[in-house]
C-alpha cells in the first residue's frame, strides 16, 4: 500500500477520498448500531454531510471522460444528493421505513457499489491499495459485487416476508 498516487492526485480527488473513507466507516457503524438515539441522529447528520461532500466533489473529477468530462458515476452522484435530501425529509416526517431504505441504498450503491469500481486497474485507489497487482483488484470487485448481491437478495426476501 502506498499513498503516493493519492498525494499526487488532483485536489478534487483528495477531497473526495477524504470524505468517502470516513463515510464508508461511519456508515457501516451506523448500519449495525441502535437507531433513533441522539448519537445516531448526530452521527447520521455527519454521515449525510460526508456523502454530500463526496457526491459534490465527484463533479470536479473527470478521469473517466464519457460525455464532456462526465461519466455514468456522475449520474450516481445526482442520485446520492437527492437520496441525502430524501433521507433527511423522511426522518423528519418520522417515515422511518423509507428513511432506512434510502440510507441502505445510499450506502450500498453510493459507497459499496461505486467504491468497488475504484479498485479496478488504471484507477488511483487501485494503485494506492494494490500497487501494480493485476489480479487482486478483480477478486476484490468480485467479492464486493457478491456481497452486494447477497445483501440485496436478503433485503428482497425480508420485504416479501413483511407483505
N, C-alpha and C. Protein backbone atom coordinates (compact mmCIF):
# COMPACT_ATOMS: atom_id res chain seq x y z
N UNK A 1 0.85 -1.17 0.00
CA UNK A 1 0.00 0.00 0.00
C UNK A 1 0.90 1.24 0.00
N UNK A 2 0.55 2.19 -0.86
CA UNK A 2 1.28 3.45 -0.92
C UNK A 2 0.30 4.59 -1.16
N UNK A 3 0.50 5.68 -0.45
CA UNK A 3 -0.39 6.84 -0.60
C UNK A 3 0.13 7.83 -1.64
N UNK A 4 1.25 7.53 -2.24
CA UNK A 4 1.85 8.44 -3.21
C UNK A 4 0.92 8.81 -4.37
N UNK A 5 0.22 7.83 -5.00
CA UNK A 5 -0.68 8.23 -6.09
C UNK A 5 -1.79 9.17 -5.62
N UNK A 6 -2.24 8.99 -4.41
CA UNK A 6 -3.29 9.85 -3.86
C UNK A 6 -2.74 11.24 -3.54
N UNK A 7 -1.54 11.29 -3.02
CA UNK A 7 -0.91 12.59 -2.72
C UNK A 7 -0.60 13.37 -3.99
N UNK A 8 -0.35 12.65 -5.10
CA UNK A 8 -0.08 13.30 -6.38
C UNK A 8 -1.36 13.60 -7.17
N UNK A 9 -2.49 13.16 -6.68
CA UNK A 9 -3.77 13.31 -7.38
C UNK A 9 -4.26 14.76 -7.28
N UNK A 10 -5.17 15.15 -8.18
CA UNK A 10 -5.77 16.49 -8.10
C UNK A 10 -6.50 16.69 -6.77
N UNK A 11 -6.64 17.94 -6.37
CA UNK A 11 -7.28 18.30 -5.11
C UNK A 11 -8.69 17.72 -5.01
N UNK A 12 -9.45 17.74 -6.09
CA UNK A 12 -10.83 17.21 -6.05
C UNK A 12 -10.85 15.74 -5.64
N UNK A 13 -9.88 14.97 -6.13
CA UNK A 13 -9.82 13.55 -5.78
C UNK A 13 -9.43 13.40 -4.31
N UNK A 14 -8.52 14.22 -3.84
CA UNK A 14 -8.12 14.16 -2.43
C UNK A 14 -9.30 14.49 -1.51
N UNK A 15 -10.07 15.52 -1.87
CA UNK A 15 -11.26 15.88 -1.09
C UNK A 15 -12.27 14.74 -1.13
N UNK A 16 -12.46 14.17 -2.31
CA UNK A 16 -13.41 13.07 -2.49
C UNK A 16 -13.04 11.89 -1.58
N UNK A 17 -11.79 11.50 -1.59
CA UNK A 17 -11.34 10.37 -0.77
C UNK A 17 -11.41 10.72 0.71
N UNK A 18 -11.07 11.97 1.05
CA UNK A 18 -11.12 12.40 2.46
C UNK A 18 -12.54 12.38 3.00
N UNK A 19 -13.53 12.50 2.14
CA UNK A 19 -14.94 12.43 2.57
C UNK A 19 -15.46 11.00 2.51
N UNK A 20 -15.11 10.25 1.48
CA UNK A 20 -15.72 8.93 1.30
C UNK A 20 -15.17 7.88 2.26
N UNK A 21 -13.92 7.96 2.63
CA UNK A 21 -13.36 6.95 3.55
C UNK A 21 -14.05 7.02 4.91
N UNK A 22 -14.13 8.21 5.55
CA UNK A 22 -14.88 8.23 6.82
C UNK A 22 -16.37 7.93 6.63
N UNK A 23 -16.94 8.29 5.48
CA UNK A 23 -18.35 7.98 5.22
C UNK A 23 -18.55 6.47 5.16
N UNK A 24 -17.62 5.76 4.57
CA UNK A 24 -17.73 4.29 4.49
C UNK A 24 -17.66 3.67 5.89
N UNK A 25 -16.73 4.13 6.68
CA UNK A 25 -16.57 3.58 8.03
C UNK A 25 -17.74 3.96 8.94
N UNK A 26 -18.09 5.24 8.93
CA UNK A 26 -19.19 5.71 9.77
C UNK A 26 -20.52 5.10 9.35
N UNK A 27 -20.73 4.97 8.05
CA UNK A 27 -21.96 4.36 7.54
C UNK A 27 -22.11 2.92 7.99
N UNK A 28 -21.03 2.16 7.93
CA UNK A 28 -21.08 0.77 8.40
C UNK A 28 -21.40 0.72 9.88
N UNK A 29 -20.79 1.61 10.65
CA UNK A 29 -21.06 1.68 12.09
C UNK A 29 -22.54 1.99 12.34
N UNK A 30 -23.06 2.98 11.63
CA UNK A 30 -24.46 3.37 11.83
C UNK A 30 -25.44 2.26 11.44
N UNK A 31 -25.10 1.50 10.43
CA UNK A 31 -25.99 0.43 9.98
C UNK A 31 -26.13 -0.69 11.00
N UNK A 32 -25.12 -0.90 11.83
CA UNK A 32 -25.17 -2.01 12.78
C UNK A 32 -25.49 -1.58 14.21
N UNK A 33 -25.49 -0.30 14.49
CA UNK A 33 -25.74 0.20 15.84
C UNK A 33 -27.22 0.53 16.04
N UNK A 34 -27.65 0.68 17.29
CA UNK A 34 -29.06 1.03 17.57
C UNK A 34 -29.46 2.33 16.89
N UNK A 35 -30.70 2.37 16.46
CA UNK A 35 -31.21 3.53 15.71
C UNK A 35 -32.05 4.42 16.63
N UNK A 36 -32.17 5.68 16.23
CA UNK A 36 -33.06 6.60 16.91
C UNK A 36 -32.49 7.29 18.12
N UNK A 37 -31.30 6.93 18.52
CA UNK A 37 -30.68 7.56 19.69
C UNK A 37 -30.14 8.93 19.31
N UNK A 38 -29.88 9.80 20.29
CA UNK A 38 -29.25 11.09 19.97
C UNK A 38 -27.91 10.91 19.24
N UNK A 39 -27.14 9.90 19.65
CA UNK A 39 -25.87 9.63 18.97
C UNK A 39 -26.10 9.26 17.51
N UNK A 40 -27.10 8.42 17.25
CA UNK A 40 -27.42 8.02 15.88
C UNK A 40 -27.79 9.25 15.03
N UNK A 41 -28.59 10.12 15.60
CA UNK A 41 -29.01 11.31 14.85
C UNK A 41 -27.82 12.21 14.54
N UNK A 42 -26.94 12.42 15.51
CA UNK A 42 -25.77 13.27 15.28
C UNK A 42 -24.83 12.65 14.25
N UNK A 43 -24.51 11.37 14.44
CA UNK A 43 -23.60 10.70 13.50
C UNK A 43 -24.24 10.58 12.12
N UNK A 44 -25.57 10.42 12.07
CA UNK A 44 -26.26 10.37 10.79
C UNK A 44 -26.14 11.69 10.03
N UNK A 45 -26.23 12.80 10.73
CA UNK A 45 -26.06 14.11 10.09
C UNK A 45 -24.64 14.26 9.55
N UNK A 46 -23.68 13.81 10.34
CA UNK A 46 -22.28 13.86 9.87
C UNK A 46 -22.11 12.98 8.64
N UNK A 47 -22.72 11.78 8.68
CA UNK A 47 -22.60 10.85 7.55
C UNK A 47 -23.22 11.43 6.29
N UNK A 48 -24.41 12.01 6.43
CA UNK A 48 -25.06 12.60 5.25
C UNK A 48 -24.25 13.77 4.70
N UNK A 49 -23.62 14.54 5.58
CA UNK A 49 -22.75 15.64 5.12
C UNK A 49 -21.56 15.07 4.35
N UNK A 50 -20.95 14.02 4.88
CA UNK A 50 -19.83 13.38 4.18
C UNK A 50 -20.27 12.84 2.82
N UNK A 51 -21.46 12.26 2.77
CA UNK A 51 -21.97 11.75 1.49
C UNK A 51 -22.20 12.88 0.49
N UNK A 52 -22.73 14.00 0.97
CA UNK A 52 -22.95 15.14 0.08
C UNK A 52 -21.62 15.70 -0.43
N UNK A 53 -20.63 15.81 0.44
CA UNK A 53 -19.30 16.28 0.01
C UNK A 53 -18.71 15.31 -1.00
N UNK A 54 -18.87 14.02 -0.76
CA UNK A 54 -18.38 13.00 -1.69
C UNK A 54 -19.03 13.18 -3.07
N UNK A 55 -20.35 13.31 -3.08
CA UNK A 55 -21.07 13.46 -4.35
C UNK A 55 -20.70 14.77 -5.05
N UNK A 56 -20.67 15.86 -4.31
CA UNK A 56 -20.36 17.15 -4.92
C UNK A 56 -18.93 17.19 -5.46
N UNK A 57 -18.00 16.62 -4.72
CA UNK A 57 -16.61 16.63 -5.19
C UNK A 57 -16.44 15.81 -6.46
N UNK A 58 -17.29 14.82 -6.67
CA UNK A 58 -17.17 13.98 -7.87
C UNK A 58 -17.39 14.78 -9.15
N UNK A 59 -18.13 15.87 -9.06
CA UNK A 59 -18.37 16.68 -10.26
C UNK A 59 -17.13 17.42 -10.74
N UNK A 60 -16.08 17.40 -9.93
CA UNK A 60 -14.82 18.03 -10.32
C UNK A 60 -13.76 16.99 -10.70
N UNK A 61 -14.19 15.74 -10.77
CA UNK A 61 -13.30 14.63 -11.15
C UNK A 61 -13.71 14.18 -12.55
N UNK A 62 -12.76 14.21 -13.48
CA UNK A 62 -13.10 13.92 -14.88
C UNK A 62 -12.15 12.90 -15.51
N UNK A 63 -11.60 11.98 -14.71
CA UNK A 63 -10.66 10.99 -15.25
C UNK A 63 -11.35 10.05 -16.24
N UNK A 64 -12.58 9.66 -15.97
CA UNK A 64 -13.33 8.81 -16.90
C UNK A 64 -14.22 9.73 -17.71
N UNK A 65 -13.78 10.03 -18.92
CA UNK A 65 -14.45 11.03 -19.76
C UNK A 65 -15.32 10.32 -20.79
N UNK A 66 -16.61 10.22 -20.50
CA UNK A 66 -17.54 9.58 -21.43
C UNK A 66 -18.32 10.63 -22.22
N UNK A 67 -18.73 11.69 -21.54
CA UNK A 67 -19.56 12.70 -22.18
C UNK A 67 -19.18 14.08 -21.63
N UNK A 68 -18.38 14.82 -22.39
CA UNK A 68 -17.94 16.17 -21.99
C UNK A 68 -17.34 16.20 -20.58
N UNK A 69 -16.50 15.25 -20.28
CA UNK A 69 -15.83 15.21 -18.99
C UNK A 69 -16.58 14.45 -17.91
N UNK A 70 -17.80 14.03 -18.21
CA UNK A 70 -18.60 13.33 -17.22
C UNK A 70 -18.75 11.86 -17.60
N UNK A 71 -19.14 11.06 -16.59
CA UNK A 71 -19.30 9.62 -16.80
C UNK A 71 -20.56 9.16 -16.06
N UNK A 72 -20.94 7.91 -16.23
CA UNK A 72 -22.13 7.40 -15.53
C UNK A 72 -22.06 7.57 -14.01
N UNK A 73 -20.87 7.60 -13.44
CA UNK A 73 -20.75 7.76 -11.99
C UNK A 73 -21.32 9.11 -11.55
N UNK A 74 -21.30 10.10 -12.42
CA UNK A 74 -21.86 11.41 -12.07
C UNK A 74 -23.38 11.36 -11.95
N UNK A 75 -24.02 10.45 -12.67
CA UNK A 75 -25.46 10.24 -12.51
C UNK A 75 -25.72 9.68 -11.11
N UNK A 76 -24.86 8.77 -10.67
CA UNK A 76 -24.98 8.24 -9.32
C UNK A 76 -24.83 9.36 -8.29
N UNK A 77 -23.95 10.30 -8.55
CA UNK A 77 -23.76 11.42 -7.62
C UNK A 77 -25.03 12.25 -7.49
N UNK A 78 -25.75 12.42 -8.58
CA UNK A 78 -27.03 13.13 -8.52
C UNK A 78 -28.02 12.35 -7.65
N UNK A 79 -28.06 11.03 -7.84
CA UNK A 79 -28.94 10.19 -7.03
C UNK A 79 -28.55 10.25 -5.55
N UNK A 80 -27.25 10.30 -5.26
CA UNK A 80 -26.79 10.38 -3.87
C UNK A 80 -27.26 11.70 -3.24
N UNK A 81 -27.10 12.80 -3.96
CA UNK A 81 -27.54 14.10 -3.42
C UNK A 81 -29.05 14.10 -3.18
N UNK A 82 -29.79 13.59 -4.13
CA UNK A 82 -31.24 13.50 -3.98
C UNK A 82 -31.59 12.57 -2.82
N UNK A 83 -30.87 11.45 -2.71
CA UNK A 83 -31.10 10.49 -1.63
C UNK A 83 -30.81 11.08 -0.26
N UNK A 84 -29.77 11.89 -0.16
CA UNK A 84 -29.45 12.55 1.13
C UNK A 84 -30.62 13.44 1.55
N UNK A 85 -31.13 14.20 0.60
CA UNK A 85 -32.27 15.08 0.89
C UNK A 85 -33.48 14.26 1.32
N UNK A 86 -33.76 13.16 0.60
CA UNK A 86 -34.92 12.32 0.92
C UNK A 86 -34.75 11.62 2.27
N UNK A 87 -33.53 11.21 2.61
CA UNK A 87 -33.29 10.56 3.91
C UNK A 87 -33.62 11.52 5.04
N UNK A 88 -33.19 12.76 4.91
CA UNK A 88 -33.48 13.77 5.94
C UNK A 88 -34.98 14.06 6.00
N UNK A 89 -35.59 14.25 4.84
CA UNK A 89 -37.02 14.57 4.79
C UNK A 89 -37.85 13.46 5.42
N UNK A 90 -37.52 12.22 5.12
CA UNK A 90 -38.29 11.09 5.67
C UNK A 90 -38.05 10.92 7.17
N UNK A 91 -36.84 11.17 7.62
CA UNK A 91 -36.58 11.09 9.07
C UNK A 91 -37.37 12.18 9.80
N UNK A 92 -37.41 13.37 9.25
CA UNK A 92 -38.16 14.47 9.88
C UNK A 92 -39.66 14.20 9.89
N UNK A 93 -40.16 13.52 8.85
CA UNK A 93 -41.59 13.17 8.79
C UNK A 93 -41.90 11.92 9.60
N UNK A 94 -40.86 11.35 10.22
CA UNK A 94 -40.99 10.11 11.01
C UNK A 94 -41.38 8.91 10.14
N UNK A 95 -41.06 8.98 8.85
CA UNK A 95 -41.27 7.85 7.96
C UNK A 95 -39.98 7.02 8.01
N UNK A 96 -39.83 6.27 9.07
CA UNK A 96 -38.57 5.58 9.36
C UNK A 96 -38.28 4.47 8.36
N UNK A 97 -39.30 3.76 7.91
CA UNK A 97 -39.06 2.69 6.93
C UNK A 97 -38.46 3.25 5.64
N UNK A 98 -39.01 4.35 5.15
CA UNK A 98 -38.47 4.98 3.94
C UNK A 98 -37.05 5.48 4.21
N UNK A 99 -36.84 6.09 5.38
CA UNK A 99 -35.52 6.59 5.75
C UNK A 99 -34.50 5.45 5.73
N UNK A 100 -34.84 4.32 6.35
CA UNK A 100 -33.94 3.16 6.39
C UNK A 100 -33.62 2.65 4.99
N UNK A 101 -34.65 2.54 4.16
CA UNK A 101 -34.47 2.03 2.80
C UNK A 101 -33.54 2.95 2.00
N UNK A 102 -33.74 4.25 2.12
CA UNK A 102 -32.93 5.21 1.37
C UNK A 102 -31.48 5.17 1.85
N UNK A 103 -31.29 5.16 3.16
CA UNK A 103 -29.94 5.16 3.71
C UNK A 103 -29.20 3.88 3.32
N UNK A 104 -29.88 2.73 3.41
CA UNK A 104 -29.25 1.48 2.97
C UNK A 104 -28.86 1.56 1.49
N UNK A 105 -29.75 2.11 0.68
CA UNK A 105 -29.45 2.25 -0.74
C UNK A 105 -28.28 3.19 -1.00
N UNK A 106 -28.23 4.28 -0.25
CA UNK A 106 -27.10 5.21 -0.38
C UNK A 106 -25.78 4.51 -0.03
N UNK A 107 -25.81 3.74 1.04
CA UNK A 107 -24.59 3.07 1.47
C UNK A 107 -24.18 1.99 0.47
N UNK A 108 -25.13 1.14 0.11
CA UNK A 108 -24.80 0.02 -0.78
C UNK A 108 -24.45 0.49 -2.19
N UNK A 109 -25.21 1.44 -2.71
CA UNK A 109 -24.94 1.91 -4.07
C UNK A 109 -23.85 2.96 -4.13
N UNK A 110 -23.92 3.93 -3.22
CA UNK A 110 -23.00 5.06 -3.26
C UNK A 110 -21.63 4.77 -2.70
N UNK A 111 -21.55 3.85 -1.74
CA UNK A 111 -20.24 3.54 -1.14
C UNK A 111 -19.74 2.19 -1.64
N UNK A 112 -20.51 1.14 -1.40
CA UNK A 112 -20.04 -0.20 -1.73
C UNK A 112 -19.98 -0.40 -3.25
N UNK A 113 -21.09 -0.12 -3.92
CA UNK A 113 -21.12 -0.35 -5.38
C UNK A 113 -20.15 0.52 -6.14
N UNK A 114 -20.23 1.82 -5.93
CA UNK A 114 -19.34 2.74 -6.65
C UNK A 114 -17.89 2.53 -6.20
N UNK A 115 -17.72 2.25 -4.91
CA UNK A 115 -16.36 2.04 -4.40
C UNK A 115 -15.67 0.85 -5.02
N UNK A 116 -16.43 -0.17 -5.37
CA UNK A 116 -15.83 -1.36 -5.98
C UNK A 116 -15.09 -1.01 -7.26
N UNK A 117 -15.63 -0.10 -8.03
CA UNK A 117 -15.01 0.25 -9.31
C UNK A 117 -13.73 1.06 -9.15
N UNK A 118 -13.53 1.67 -7.99
CA UNK A 118 -12.31 2.46 -7.79
C UNK A 118 -11.08 1.57 -7.64
N UNK A 119 -11.29 0.27 -7.44
CA UNK A 119 -10.16 -0.63 -7.26
C UNK A 119 -9.75 -1.32 -8.57
N UNK A 120 -10.41 -1.01 -9.67
CA UNK A 120 -10.05 -1.61 -10.95
C UNK A 120 -8.73 -1.05 -11.45
N UNK A 121 -7.99 -1.82 -12.27
CA UNK A 121 -6.71 -1.34 -12.81
C UNK A 121 -6.87 0.00 -13.54
N UNK A 122 -5.88 0.86 -13.36
CA UNK A 122 -5.90 2.16 -14.00
C UNK A 122 -6.48 3.26 -13.12
N UNK A 123 -7.12 2.89 -12.01
CA UNK A 123 -7.70 3.87 -11.10
C UNK A 123 -6.72 4.17 -9.97
N UNK A 124 -6.81 5.34 -9.39
CA UNK A 124 -5.87 5.76 -8.35
C UNK A 124 -5.93 4.85 -7.13
N UNK A 125 -7.14 4.48 -6.69
CA UNK A 125 -7.24 3.64 -5.49
C UNK A 125 -6.67 2.25 -5.73
N UNK A 126 -6.68 1.79 -6.97
CA UNK A 126 -6.03 0.53 -7.30
C UNK A 126 -4.54 0.65 -7.03
N UNK A 127 -3.95 1.76 -7.47
CA UNK A 127 -2.52 1.98 -7.24
C UNK A 127 -2.22 2.12 -5.75
N UNK A 128 -3.09 2.80 -5.02
CA UNK A 128 -2.88 3.01 -3.59
C UNK A 128 -2.91 1.68 -2.85
N UNK A 129 -3.91 0.86 -3.12
CA UNK A 129 -4.11 -0.37 -2.34
C UNK A 129 -3.29 -1.54 -2.87
N UNK A 130 -3.24 -1.71 -4.18
CA UNK A 130 -2.64 -2.93 -4.74
C UNK A 130 -1.26 -2.72 -5.34
N UNK A 131 -0.89 -1.51 -5.65
CA UNK A 131 0.43 -1.16 -6.20
C UNK A 131 0.91 -2.14 -7.27
N UNK A 132 0.15 -2.22 -8.36
CA UNK A 132 0.59 -2.99 -9.51
C UNK A 132 0.10 -4.43 -9.58
N UNK A 133 -0.54 -4.96 -8.57
CA UNK A 133 -1.06 -6.33 -8.60
C UNK A 133 -2.20 -6.38 -9.62
N UNK A 134 -2.10 -7.28 -10.58
CA UNK A 134 -3.09 -7.33 -11.68
C UNK A 134 -4.36 -8.10 -11.33
N UNK A 135 -4.29 -9.14 -10.50
CA UNK A 135 -5.47 -9.98 -10.27
C UNK A 135 -6.24 -9.62 -9.02
N UNK A 136 -5.58 -9.11 -8.01
CA UNK A 136 -6.26 -8.81 -6.74
C UNK A 136 -7.44 -7.85 -6.92
N UNK A 137 -7.33 -6.80 -7.74
CA UNK A 137 -8.48 -5.89 -7.87
C UNK A 137 -9.73 -6.59 -8.38
N UNK A 138 -9.57 -7.50 -9.32
CA UNK A 138 -10.74 -8.21 -9.84
C UNK A 138 -11.36 -9.10 -8.77
N UNK A 139 -10.53 -9.69 -7.93
CA UNK A 139 -11.04 -10.50 -6.83
C UNK A 139 -11.79 -9.64 -5.82
N UNK A 140 -11.25 -8.46 -5.54
CA UNK A 140 -11.91 -7.55 -4.60
C UNK A 140 -13.26 -7.09 -5.16
N UNK A 141 -13.26 -6.67 -6.43
CA UNK A 141 -14.51 -6.22 -7.07
C UNK A 141 -15.52 -7.36 -7.11
N UNK A 142 -15.08 -8.57 -7.44
CA UNK A 142 -15.99 -9.72 -7.46
C UNK A 142 -16.54 -10.01 -6.07
N UNK A 143 -15.69 -9.90 -5.06
CA UNK A 143 -16.14 -10.11 -3.69
C UNK A 143 -17.15 -9.07 -3.25
N UNK A 144 -16.89 -7.82 -3.58
CA UNK A 144 -17.82 -6.74 -3.22
C UNK A 144 -19.14 -6.91 -3.96
N UNK A 145 -19.06 -7.25 -5.25
CA UNK A 145 -20.27 -7.45 -6.04
C UNK A 145 -21.08 -8.62 -5.47
N UNK A 146 -20.41 -9.69 -5.08
CA UNK A 146 -21.11 -10.84 -4.50
C UNK A 146 -21.79 -10.47 -3.19
N UNK A 147 -21.08 -9.73 -2.35
CA UNK A 147 -21.66 -9.30 -1.08
C UNK A 147 -22.86 -8.39 -1.31
N UNK A 148 -22.74 -7.50 -2.29
CA UNK A 148 -23.83 -6.59 -2.61
C UNK A 148 -25.05 -7.35 -3.11
N UNK A 149 -24.85 -8.32 -3.99
CA UNK A 149 -25.97 -9.14 -4.47
C UNK A 149 -26.60 -9.93 -3.34
N UNK A 150 -25.79 -10.47 -2.45
CA UNK A 150 -26.29 -11.21 -1.31
C UNK A 150 -27.14 -10.31 -0.42
N UNK A 151 -26.66 -9.11 -0.13
CA UNK A 151 -27.41 -8.16 0.70
C UNK A 151 -28.73 -7.77 0.03
N UNK A 152 -28.69 -7.55 -1.28
CA UNK A 152 -29.90 -7.18 -2.00
C UNK A 152 -30.91 -8.32 -1.99
N UNK A 153 -30.46 -9.54 -2.16
CA UNK A 153 -31.39 -10.68 -2.16
C UNK A 153 -31.99 -10.87 -0.77
N UNK A 154 -31.20 -10.66 0.28
CA UNK A 154 -31.75 -10.74 1.65
C UNK A 154 -32.78 -9.65 1.88
N UNK A 155 -32.53 -8.46 1.37
CA UNK A 155 -33.48 -7.36 1.52
C UNK A 155 -34.79 -7.68 0.79
N UNK A 156 -34.69 -8.26 -0.39
CA UNK A 156 -35.90 -8.65 -1.14
C UNK A 156 -36.68 -9.72 -0.39
N UNK A 157 -35.98 -10.70 0.18
CA UNK A 157 -36.65 -11.73 0.97
C UNK A 157 -37.33 -11.13 2.19
N UNK A 158 -36.67 -10.19 2.85
CA UNK A 158 -37.23 -9.53 4.02
C UNK A 158 -38.50 -8.77 3.65
N UNK A 159 -38.47 -8.07 2.53
CA UNK A 159 -39.64 -7.31 2.09
C UNK A 159 -40.81 -8.23 1.77
N UNK A 160 -40.51 -9.35 1.12
CA UNK A 160 -41.58 -10.31 0.79
C UNK A 160 -42.21 -10.88 2.05
N UNK A 161 -41.38 -11.14 3.05
CA UNK A 161 -41.93 -11.72 4.29
C UNK A 161 -42.78 -10.71 5.06
N UNK A 162 -42.54 -9.42 4.87
CA UNK A 162 -43.31 -8.39 5.54
C UNK A 162 -44.67 -8.18 4.88
N UNK A 163 -44.78 -8.50 3.59
CA UNK A 163 -46.05 -8.26 2.89
C UNK A 163 -46.98 -9.43 2.90
